[in-house]
């Protein structure tokens, strides 16, 4: 009786273990946020927030995420002129804050 139960339950357990092993082990946030970047902003695009994400184990790119006043988010190329200007500005603000 026990052996019949074991024979019926064992394949189910093996299947569950195999499925659990097949699941990705990385958290859902562990990938680059910016798939596409732009090199410039139109003058009418007003920035409300800037977020700079440094290189991580799961994303080897520096990412600049700009939130516009209309709520739209876009990614800037950190190697573009505006991207470099934003990074330099943020670094200067960081230095100024540390000095005070």
PDB file of N, CA and C in Angstrom:
ATOM      1  N   UNK A   1       0.827  -1.192   0.000  1.00  0.00           N
ATOM      2  CA  UNK A   1       0.000   0.000   0.000  1.00  0.00           C
ATOM      3  C   UNK A   1       0.873   1.257   0.000  1.00  0.00           C
ATOM      4  N   UNK A   2       1.848   1.291   0.896  1.00  0.00           N
ATOM      5  CA  UNK A   2       2.747   2.439   0.973  1.00  0.00           C
ATOM      6  C   UNK A   2       3.568   2.550  -0.306  1.00  0.00           C
ATOM      7  N   UNK A   3       4.003   1.420  -0.843  1.00  0.00           N
ATOM      8  CA  UNK A   3       4.813   1.445  -2.062  1.00  0.00           C
ATOM      9  C   UNK A   3       4.002   1.952  -3.262  1.00  0.00           C
ATOM     10  N   UNK A   4       2.708   1.624  -3.333  1.00  0.00           N
ATOM     11  CA  UNK A   4       1.863   2.132  -4.414  1.00  0.00           C
ATOM     12  C   UNK A   4       1.704   3.646  -4.298  1.00  0.00           C
ATOM     13  N   UNK A   5       1.506   4.111  -3.081  1.00  0.00           N
ATOM     14  CA  UNK A   5       1.375   5.548  -2.844  1.00  0.00           C
ATOM     15  C   UNK A   5       2.674   6.253  -3.214  1.00  0.00           C
ATOM     16  N   UNK A   6       3.784   5.680  -2.812  1.00  0.00           N
ATOM     17  CA  UNK A   6       5.094   6.245  -3.116  1.00  0.00           C
ATOM     18  C   UNK A   6       5.335   6.285  -4.623  1.00  0.00           C
ATOM     19  N   UNK A   7       4.951   5.228  -5.320  1.00  0.00           N
ATOM     20  CA  UNK A   7       5.119   5.186  -6.772  1.00  0.00           C
ATOM     21  C   UNK A   7       4.247   6.227  -7.481  1.00  0.00           C
ATOM     22  N   UNK A   8       3.108   6.542  -6.910  1.00  0.00           N
ATOM     23  CA  UNK A   8       2.229   7.548  -7.504  1.00  0.00           C
ATOM     24  C   UNK A   8       2.670   8.975  -7.180  1.00  0.00           C
ATOM     25  N   UNK A   9       3.234   9.175  -6.010  1.00  0.00           N
ATOM     26  CA  UNK A   9       3.622  10.516  -5.571  1.00  0.00           C
ATOM     27  C   UNK A   9       5.031  10.882  -6.044  1.00  0.00           C
ATOM     28  N   UNK A  10       5.917   9.918  -6.148  1.00  0.00           N
ATOM     29  CA  UNK A  10       7.310  10.173  -6.499  1.00  0.00           C
ATOM     30  C   UNK A  10       7.463  10.902  -7.843  1.00  0.00           C
ATOM     31  N   UNK A  11       6.780  10.489  -8.900  1.00  0.00           N
ATOM     32  CA  UNK A  11       6.922  11.241 -10.166  1.00  0.00           C
ATOM     33  C   UNK A  11       6.477  12.701 -10.042  1.00  0.00           C
ATOM     34  N   UNK A  12       5.457  12.944  -9.256  1.00  0.00           N
ATOM     35  CA  UNK A  12       4.987  14.312  -9.032  1.00  0.00           C
ATOM     36  C   UNK A  12       6.061  15.143  -8.336  1.00  0.00           C
ATOM     37  N   UNK A  13       6.707  14.575  -7.333  1.00  0.00           N
ATOM     38  CA  UNK A  13       7.769  15.277  -6.605  1.00  0.00           C
ATOM     39  C   UNK A  13       8.949  15.562  -7.534  1.00  0.00           C
ATOM     40  N   UNK A  14       9.328  14.576  -8.325  1.00  0.00           N
ATOM     41  CA  UNK A  14      10.440  14.762  -9.270  1.00  0.00           C
ATOM     42  C   UNK A  14      10.102  15.867 -10.271  1.00  0.00           C
ATOM     43  N   UNK A  15       8.875  15.881 -10.758  1.00  0.00           N
ATOM     44  CA  UNK A  15       8.445  16.903 -11.701  1.00  0.00           C
ATOM     45  C   UNK A  15       8.488  18.297 -11.063  1.00  0.00           C
ATOM     46  N   UNK A  16       8.046  18.398  -9.829  1.00  0.00           N
ATOM     47  CA  UNK A  16       8.085  19.683  -9.113  1.00  0.00           C
ATOM     48  C   UNK A  16       9.519  20.166  -8.929  1.00  0.00           C
ATOM     49  N   UNK A  17      10.410  19.270  -8.562  1.00  0.00           N
ATOM     50  CA  UNK A  17      11.816  19.636  -8.383  1.00  0.00           C
ATOM     51  C   UNK A  17      12.447  20.066  -9.702  1.00  0.00           C
ATOM     52  N   UNK A  18      12.137  19.370 -10.767  1.00  0.00           N
ATOM     53  CA  UNK A  18      12.677  19.735 -12.080  1.00  0.00           C
ATOM     54  C   UNK A  18      12.177  21.113 -12.505  1.00  0.00           C
ATOM     55  N   UNK A  19      10.911  21.398 -12.255  1.00  0.00           N
ATOM     56  CA  UNK A  19      10.352  22.700 -12.602  1.00  0.00           C
ATOM     57  C   UNK A  19      11.000  23.803 -11.773  1.00  0.00           C
ATOM     58  N   UNK A  20      11.211  23.549 -10.486  1.00  0.00           N
ATOM     59  CA  UNK A  20      11.836  24.543  -9.613  1.00  0.00           C
ATOM     60  C   UNK A  20      13.258  24.844 -10.058  1.00  0.00           C
ATOM     61  N   UNK A  21      13.992  23.854 -10.512  1.00  0.00           N
ATOM     62  CA  UNK A  21      15.355  24.059 -10.992  1.00  0.00           C
ATOM     63  C   UNK A  21      15.376  24.851 -12.288  1.00  0.00           C
ATOM     64  N   UNK A  22      14.331  24.747 -13.075  1.00  0.00           N
ATOM     65  CA  UNK A  22      14.294  25.433 -14.370  1.00  0.00           C
ATOM     66  C   UNK A  22      13.993  26.920 -14.235  1.00  0.00           C
ATOM     67  N   UNK A  23      13.498  27.364 -13.099  1.00  0.00           N
ATOM     68  CA  UNK A  23      13.165  28.765 -12.896  1.00  0.00           C
ATOM     69  C   UNK A  23      14.432  29.603 -12.792  1.00  0.00           C
ATOM     70  N   UNK A  24      14.436  30.822 -13.342  1.00  0.00           N
ATOM     71  CA  UNK A  24      15.614  31.677 -13.224  1.00  0.00           C
ATOM     72  C   UNK A  24      15.859  32.052 -11.774  1.00  0.00           C
ATOM     73  N   UNK A  25      17.106  32.157 -11.421  1.00  0.00           N
ATOM     74  CA  UNK A  25      17.456  32.462 -10.038  1.00  0.00           C
ATOM     75  C   UNK A  25      17.705  33.941  -9.809  1.00  0.00           C
ATOM     76  N   UNK A  26      17.730  34.733 -10.861  1.00  0.00           N
ATOM     77  CA  UNK A  26      17.987  36.154 -10.713  1.00  0.00           C
ATOM     78  C   UNK A  26      16.689  36.892 -10.431  1.00  0.00           C
ATOM     79  N   UNK A  27      16.754  37.928  -9.602  1.00  0.00           N
ATOM     80  CA  UNK A  27      15.555  38.727  -9.368  1.00  0.00           C
ATOM     81  C   UNK A  27      15.111  39.406 -10.661  1.00  0.00           C
ATOM     82  N   UNK A  28      13.853  39.777 -10.721  1.00  0.00           N
ATOM     83  CA  UNK A  28      13.316  40.367 -11.945  1.00  0.00           C
ATOM     84  C   UNK A  28      13.942  41.719 -12.262  1.00  0.00           C
ATOM     85  N   UNK A  29      14.494  42.400 -11.271  1.00  0.00           N
ATOM     86  CA  UNK A  29      15.094  43.708 -11.491  1.00  0.00           C
ATOM     87  C   UNK A  29      16.527  43.626 -11.998  1.00  0.00           C
ATOM     88  N   UNK A  30      17.096  42.448 -12.112  1.00  0.00           N
ATOM     89  CA  UNK A  30      18.509  42.336 -12.441  1.00  0.00           C
ATOM     90  C   UNK A  30      18.741  42.276 -13.946  1.00  0.00           C
ATOM     91  N   UNK A  31      18.464  43.390 -14.594  1.00  0.00           N
ATOM     92  CA  UNK A  31      18.776  43.553 -16.003  1.00  0.00           C
ATOM     93  C   UNK A  31      18.828  45.049 -16.282  1.00  0.00           C
ATOM     94  N   UNK A  32      19.358  45.393 -17.425  1.00  0.00           N
ATOM     95  CA  UNK A  32      19.436  46.807 -17.788  1.00  0.00           C
ATOM     96  C   UNK A  32      18.028  47.396 -17.938  1.00  0.00           C
ATOM     97  N   UNK A  33      17.867  48.619 -17.508  1.00  0.00           N
ATOM     98  CA  UNK A  33      16.576  49.301 -17.622  1.00  0.00           C
ATOM     99  C   UNK A  33      16.395  49.916 -19.007  1.00  0.00           C
ATOM    100  N   UNK A  34      17.508  50.375 -19.593  1.00  0.00           N
ATOM    101  CA  UNK A  34      17.452  51.071 -20.881  1.00  0.00           C
ATOM    102  C   UNK A  34      17.791  50.122 -22.018  1.00  0.00           C
ATOM    103  N   UNK A  35      16.804  49.823 -22.820  1.00  0.00           N
ATOM    104  CA  UNK A  35      17.030  48.979 -23.988  1.00  0.00           C
ATOM    105  C   UNK A  35      17.438  49.854 -25.171  1.00  0.00           C
ATOM    106  N   UNK A  36      16.794  50.999 -25.301  1.00  0.00           N
ATOM    107  CA  UNK A  36      17.122  51.957 -26.352  1.00  0.00           C
ATOM    108  C   UNK A  36      17.444  53.294 -25.712  1.00  0.00           C
ATOM    109  N   UNK A  37      18.380  54.032 -26.321  1.00  0.00           N
ATOM    110  CA  UNK A  37      18.735  55.357 -25.820  1.00  0.00           C
ATOM    111  C   UNK A  37      18.619  56.369 -26.954  1.00  0.00           C
ATOM    112  N   UNK A  38      18.471  57.625 -26.554  1.00  0.00           N
ATOM    113  CA  UNK A  38      18.479  58.709 -27.533  1.00  0.00           C
ATOM    114  C   UNK A  38      19.692  59.584 -27.253  1.00  0.00           C
ATOM    115  N   UNK A  39      20.128  60.330 -28.263  1.00  0.00           N
ATOM    116  CA  UNK A  39      21.338  61.140 -28.137  1.00  0.00           C
ATOM    117  C   UNK A  39      21.065  62.601 -27.833  1.00  0.00           C
ATOM    118  N   UNK A  40      19.820  63.036 -27.939  1.00  0.00           N
ATOM    119  CA  UNK A  40      19.506  64.437 -27.663  1.00  0.00           C
ATOM    120  C   UNK A  40      18.043  64.561 -27.251  1.00  0.00           C
ATOM    121  N   UNK A  41      17.742  65.699 -26.654  1.00  0.00           N
ATOM    122  CA  UNK A  41      16.366  66.016 -26.276  1.00  0.00           C
ATOM    123  C   UNK A  41      15.918  67.233 -27.071  1.00  0.00           C
ATOM    124  N   UNK A  42      14.693  67.227 -27.503  1.00  0.00           N
ATOM    125  CA  UNK A  42      14.124  68.390 -28.180  1.00  0.00           C
ATOM    126  C   UNK A  42      13.964  69.493 -27.138  1.00  0.00           C
ATOM    127  N   UNK A  43      14.189  70.762 -27.509  1.00  0.00           N
ATOM    128  CA  UNK A  43      14.052  71.857 -26.531  1.00  0.00           C
ATOM    129  C   UNK A  43      12.699  71.898 -25.824  1.00  0.00           C
ATOM    130  N   UNK A  44      11.650  71.397 -26.467  1.00  0.00           N
ATOM    131  CA  UNK A  44      10.330  71.411 -25.828  1.00  0.00           C
ATOM    132  C   UNK A  44      10.187  70.329 -24.757  1.00  0.00           C
ATOM    133  N   UNK A  45      11.129  69.397 -24.703  1.00  0.00           N
ATOM    134  CA  UNK A  45      11.067  68.307 -23.723  1.00  0.00           C
ATOM    135  C   UNK A  45      11.655  68.802 -22.401  1.00  0.00           C
ATOM    136  N   UNK A  46      10.802  69.095 -21.457  1.00  0.00           N
ATOM    137  CA  UNK A  46      11.229  69.638 -20.165  1.00  0.00           C
ATOM    138  C   UNK A  46      11.479  68.503 -19.178  1.00  0.00           C
ATOM    139  N   UNK A  47      12.661  68.514 -18.572  1.00  0.00           N
ATOM    140  CA  UNK A  47      13.069  67.452 -17.644  1.00  0.00           C
ATOM    141  C   UNK A  47      12.545  67.758 -16.249  1.00  0.00           C
ATOM    142  N   UNK A  48      11.951  66.758 -15.610  1.00  0.00           N
ATOM    143  CA  UNK A  48      11.520  66.924 -14.219  1.00  0.00           C
ATOM    144  C   UNK A  48      12.388  66.114 -13.258  1.00  0.00           C
ATOM    145  N   UNK A  49      13.028  65.043 -13.748  1.00  0.00           N
ATOM    146  CA  UNK A  49      13.854  64.212 -12.868  1.00  0.00           C
ATOM    147  C   UNK A  49      14.889  63.462 -13.705  1.00  0.00           C
ATOM    148  N   UNK A  50      16.055  63.252 -13.103  1.00  0.00           N
ATOM    149  CA  UNK A  50      17.120  62.490 -13.751  1.00  0.00           C
ATOM    150  C   UNK A  50      17.607  61.437 -12.776  1.00  0.00           C
ATOM    151  N   UNK A  51      17.761  60.233 -13.258  1.00  0.00           N
ATOM    152  CA  UNK A  51      18.283  59.137 -12.440  1.00  0.00           C
ATOM    153  C   UNK A  51      19.443  58.503 -13.202  1.00  0.00           C
ATOM    154  N   UNK A  52      20.604  58.425 -12.547  1.00  0.00           N
ATOM    155  CA  UNK A  52      21.773  57.809 -13.163  1.00  0.00           C
ATOM    156  C   UNK A  52      22.030  56.485 -12.462  1.00  0.00           C
ATOM    157  N   UNK A  53      22.043  55.418 -13.241  1.00  0.00           N
ATOM    158  CA  UNK A  53      22.322  54.087 -12.712  1.00  0.00           C
ATOM    159  C   UNK A  53      23.721  53.691 -13.155  1.00  0.00           C
ATOM    160  N   UNK A  54      24.585  53.413 -12.192  1.00  0.00           N
ATOM    161  CA  UNK A  54      25.958  53.027 -12.498  1.00  0.00           C
ATOM    162  C   UNK A  54      26.019  51.574 -12.933  1.00  0.00           C
ATOM    163  N   UNK A  55      27.172  51.171 -13.432  1.00  0.00           N
ATOM    164  CA  UNK A  55      27.366  49.784 -13.863  1.00  0.00           C
ATOM    165  C   UNK A  55      27.123  48.839 -12.692  1.00  0.00           C
ATOM    166  N   UNK A  56      26.475  47.725 -12.967  1.00  0.00           N
ATOM    167  CA  UNK A  56      26.188  46.698 -11.969  1.00  0.00           C
ATOM    168  C   UNK A  56      26.625  45.352 -12.520  1.00  0.00           C
ATOM    169  N   UNK A  57      26.587  44.340 -11.688  1.00  0.00           N
ATOM    170  CA  UNK A  57      26.926  42.991 -12.146  1.00  0.00           C
ATOM    171  C   UNK A  57      26.012  42.536 -13.276  1.00  0.00           C
ATOM    172  N   UNK A  58      24.760  42.939 -13.221  1.00  0.00           N
ATOM    173  CA  UNK A  58      23.776  42.478 -14.187  1.00  0.00           C
ATOM    174  C   UNK A  58      23.599  43.422 -15.372  1.00  0.00           C
ATOM    175  N   UNK A  59      24.215  44.595 -15.333  1.00  0.00           N
ATOM    176  CA  UNK A  59      24.135  45.546 -16.447  1.00  0.00           C
ATOM    177  C   UNK A  59      25.445  46.302 -16.530  1.00  0.00           C
ATOM    178  N   UNK A  60      26.155  46.126 -17.620  1.00  0.00           N
ATOM    179  CA  UNK A  60      27.483  46.725 -17.741  1.00  0.00           C
ATOM    180  C   UNK A  60      27.446  48.150 -18.282  1.00  0.00           C
ATOM    181  N   UNK A  61      26.260  48.722 -18.420  1.00  0.00           N
ATOM    182  CA  UNK A  61      26.115  50.077 -18.957  1.00  0.00           C
ATOM    183  C   UNK A  61      25.800  51.079 -17.859  1.00  0.00           C
ATOM    184  N   UNK A  62      26.307  52.302 -18.017  1.00  0.00           N
ATOM    185  CA  UNK A  62      25.825  53.422 -17.221  1.00  0.00           C
ATOM    186  C   UNK A  62      24.531  53.850 -17.893  1.00  0.00           C
ATOM    187  N   UNK A  63      23.481  54.034 -17.110  1.00  0.00           N
ATOM    188  CA  UNK A  63      22.178  54.368 -17.677  1.00  0.00           C
ATOM    189  C   UNK A  63      21.689  55.700 -17.123  1.00  0.00           C
ATOM    190  N   UNK A  64      21.183  56.541 -17.999  1.00  0.00           N
ATOM    191  CA  UNK A  64      20.607  57.827 -17.608  1.00  0.00           C
ATOM    192  C   UNK A  64      19.126  57.780 -17.963  1.00  0.00           C
ATOM    193  N   UNK A  65      18.294  57.767 -16.934  1.00  0.00           N
ATOM    194  CA  UNK A  65      16.842  57.727 -17.138  1.00  0.00           C
ATOM    195  C   UNK A  65      16.289  59.113 -16.818  1.00  0.00           C
ATOM    196  N   UNK A  66      15.675  59.728 -17.806  1.00  0.00           N
ATOM    197  CA  UNK A  66      15.138  61.077 -17.676  1.00  0.00           C
ATOM    198  C   UNK A  66      13.620  60.985 -17.638  1.00  0.00           C
ATOM    199  N   UNK A  67      13.035  61.613 -16.614  1.00  0.00           N
ATOM    200  CA  UNK A  67      11.578  61.724 -16.544  1.00  0.00           C
ATOM    201  C   UNK A  67      11.212  63.133 -16.990  1.00  0.00           C
ATOM    202  N   UNK A  68      10.331  63.217 -17.950  1.00  0.00           N
ATOM    203  CA  UNK A  68       9.907  64.514 -18.466  1.00  0.00           C
ATOM    204  C   UNK A  68       8.706  65.022 -17.685  1.00  0.00           C
ATOM    205  N   UNK A  69       8.409  66.304 -17.831  1.00  0.00           N
ATOM    206  CA  UNK A  69       7.288  66.897 -17.093  1.00  0.00           C
ATOM    207  C   UNK A  69       5.946  66.272 -17.439  1.00  0.00           C
ATOM    208  N   UNK A  70       5.846  65.717 -18.639  1.00  0.00           N
ATOM    209  CA  UNK A  70       4.584  65.068 -19.022  1.00  0.00           C
ATOM    210  C   UNK A  70       4.489  63.639 -18.480  1.00  0.00           C
ATOM    211  N   UNK A  71       5.509  63.203 -17.706  1.00  0.00           N
ATOM    212  CA  UNK A  71       5.503  61.881 -17.086  1.00  0.00           C
ATOM    213  C   UNK A  71       6.199  60.807 -17.898  1.00  0.00           C
ATOM    214  N   UNK A  72       6.514  61.106 -19.133  1.00  0.00           N
ATOM    215  CA  UNK A  72       7.180  60.131 -20.001  1.00  0.00           C
ATOM    216  C   UNK A  72       8.629  59.943 -19.558  1.00  0.00           C
ATOM    217  N   UNK A  73       9.097  58.715 -19.624  1.00  0.00           N
ATOM    218  CA  UNK A  73      10.486  58.410 -19.293  1.00  0.00           C
ATOM    219  C   UNK A  73      11.228  58.026 -20.560  1.00  0.00           C
ATOM    220  N   UNK A  74      12.469  58.460 -20.636  1.00  0.00           N
ATOM    221  CA  UNK A  74      13.309  58.101 -21.766  1.00  0.00           C
ATOM    222  C   UNK A  74      14.739  57.916 -21.277  1.00  0.00           C
ATOM    223  N   UNK A  75      15.507  57.182 -22.019  1.00  0.00           N
ATOM    224  CA  UNK A  75      16.893  56.918 -21.650  1.00  0.00           C
ATOM    225  C   UNK A  75      17.817  57.692 -22.573  1.00  0.00           C
ATOM    226  N   UNK A  76      18.790  58.368 -21.959  1.00  0.00           N
ATOM    227  CA  UNK A  76      19.778  59.109 -22.731  1.00  0.00           C
ATOM    228  C   UNK A  76      21.047  58.293 -22.865  1.00  0.00           C
ATOM    229  N   UNK A  77      21.700  58.431 -23.998  1.00  0.00           N
ATOM    230  CA  UNK A  77      22.986  57.793 -24.220  1.00  0.00           C
ATOM    231  C   UNK A  77      24.020  58.512 -23.351  1.00  0.00           C
ATOM    232  N   UNK A  78      24.681  57.808 -22.417  1.00  0.00           N
ATOM    233  CA  UNK A  78      25.657  58.466 -21.545  1.00  0.00           C
ATOM    234  C   UNK A  78      26.892  58.961 -22.296  1.00  0.00           C
ATOM    235  N   UNK A  79      27.096  58.500 -23.525  1.00  0.00           N
ATOM    236  CA  UNK A  79      28.249  58.938 -24.324  1.00  0.00           C
ATOM    237  C   UNK A  79      27.909  60.119 -25.231  1.00  0.00           C
ATOM    238  N   UNK A  80      26.638  60.502 -25.271  1.00  0.00           N
ATOM    239  CA  UNK A  80      26.233  61.656 -26.075  1.00  0.00           C
ATOM    240  C   UNK A  80      26.613  62.937 -25.340  1.00  0.00           C
ATOM    241  N   UNK A  81      26.558  64.052 -26.053  1.00  0.00           N
ATOM    242  CA  UNK A  81      26.924  65.337 -25.451  1.00  0.00           C
ATOM    243  C   UNK A  81      26.037  65.663 -24.255  1.00  0.00           C
ATOM    244  N   UNK A  82      24.722  65.522 -24.406  1.00  0.00           N
ATOM    245  CA  UNK A  82      23.823  65.830 -23.291  1.00  0.00           C
ATOM    246  C   UNK A  82      24.001  64.826 -22.150  1.00  0.00           C
ATOM    247  N   UNK A  83      24.267  63.573 -22.490  1.00  0.00           N
ATOM    248  CA  UNK A  83      24.511  62.565 -21.454  1.00  0.00           C
ATOM    249  C   UNK A  83      25.739  62.902 -20.625  1.00  0.00           C
ATOM    250  N   UNK A  84      26.818  63.288 -21.301  1.00  0.00           N
ATOM    251  CA  UNK A  84      28.051  63.681 -20.596  1.00  0.00           C
ATOM    252  C   UNK A  84      27.816  64.921 -19.750  1.00  0.00           C
ATOM    253  N   UNK A  85      27.051  65.889 -20.290  1.00  0.00           N
ATOM    254  CA  UNK A  85      26.757  67.110 -19.533  1.00  0.00           C
ATOM    255  C   UNK A  85      25.966  66.800 -18.266  1.00  0.00           C
ATOM    256  N   UNK A  86      24.990  65.920 -18.368  1.00  0.00           N
ATOM    257  CA  UNK A  86      24.186  65.560 -17.195  1.00  0.00           C
ATOM    258  C   UNK A  86      25.046  64.846 -16.160  1.00  0.00           C
ATOM    259  N   UNK A  87      25.882  63.919 -16.591  1.00  0.00           N
ATOM    260  CA  UNK A  87      26.757  63.202 -15.653  1.00  0.00           C
ATOM    261  C   UNK A  87      27.705  64.178 -14.968  1.00  0.00           C
ATOM    262  N   UNK A  88      28.321  65.091 -15.738  1.00  0.00           N
ATOM    263  CA  UNK A  88      29.230  66.083 -15.151  1.00  0.00           C
ATOM    264  C   UNK A  88      28.504  66.986 -14.165  1.00  0.00           C
ATOM    265  N   UNK A  89      27.293  67.419 -14.515  1.00  0.00           N
ATOM    266  CA  UNK A  89      26.512  68.271 -13.627  1.00  0.00           C
ATOM    267  C   UNK A  89      26.180  67.543 -12.328  1.00  0.00           C
ATOM    268  N   UNK A  90      25.740  66.305 -12.436  1.00  0.00           N
ATOM    269  CA  UNK A  90      25.393  65.534 -11.235  1.00  0.00           C
ATOM    270  C   UNK A  90      26.627  65.307 -10.363  1.00  0.00           C
ATOM    271  N   UNK A  91      27.780  65.038 -10.982  1.00  0.00           N
ATOM    272  CA  UNK A  91      29.011  64.857 -10.210  1.00  0.00           C
ATOM    273  C   UNK A  91      29.415  66.149  -9.514  1.00  0.00           C
ATOM    274  N   UNK A  92      29.256  67.294 -10.188  1.00  0.00           N
ATOM    275  CA  UNK A  92      29.597  68.570  -9.554  1.00  0.00           C
ATOM    276  C   UNK A  92      28.647  68.869  -8.397  1.00  0.00           C
ATOM    277  N   UNK A  93      27.375  68.536  -8.552  1.00  0.00           N
ATOM    278  CA  UNK A  93      26.411  68.725  -7.458  1.00  0.00           C
ATOM    279  C   UNK A  93      26.760  67.834  -6.274  1.00  0.00           C
ATOM    280  N   UNK A  94      27.216  66.627  -6.566  1.00  0.00           N
ATOM    281  CA  UNK A  94      27.600  65.691  -5.510  1.00  0.00           C
ATOM    282  C   UNK A  94      28.809  66.231  -4.742  1.00  0.00           C
ATOM    283  N   UNK A  95      29.793  66.781  -5.481  1.00  0.00           N
ATOM    284  CA  UNK A  95      30.981  67.351  -4.825  1.00  0.00           C
ATOM    285  C   UNK A  95      30.604  68.560  -3.987  1.00  0.00           C
ATOM    286  N   UNK A  96      29.734  69.419  -4.510  1.00  0.00           N
ATOM    287  CA  UNK A  96      29.305  70.612  -3.792  1.00  0.00           C
ATOM    288  C   UNK A  96      28.588  70.235  -2.507  1.00  0.00           C
ATOM    289  N   UNK A  97      27.752  69.228  -2.559  1.00  0.00           N
ATOM    290  CA  UNK A  97      27.018  68.768  -1.379  1.00  0.00           C
ATOM    291  C   UNK A  97      27.972  68.219  -0.328  1.00  0.00           C
ATOM    292  N   UNK A  98      28.996  67.484  -0.755  1.00  0.00           N
ATOM    293  CA  UNK A  98      29.957  66.913   0.191  1.00  0.00           C
ATOM    294  C   UNK A  98      30.789  67.997   0.865  1.00  0.00           C
ATOM    295  N   UNK A  99      31.095  69.083   0.140  1.00  0.00           N
ATOM    296  CA  UNK A  99      31.914  70.155   0.691  1.00  0.00           C
ATOM    297  C   UNK A  99      31.163  70.954   1.737  1.00  0.00           C
ATOM    298  N   UNK A 100      29.853  71.039   1.635  1.00  0.00           N
ATOM    299  CA  UNK A 100      29.058  71.830   2.587  1.00  0.00           C
ATOM    300  C   UNK A 100      28.666  71.035   3.739  1.00  0.00           C
TER     301      UNK A 100
END
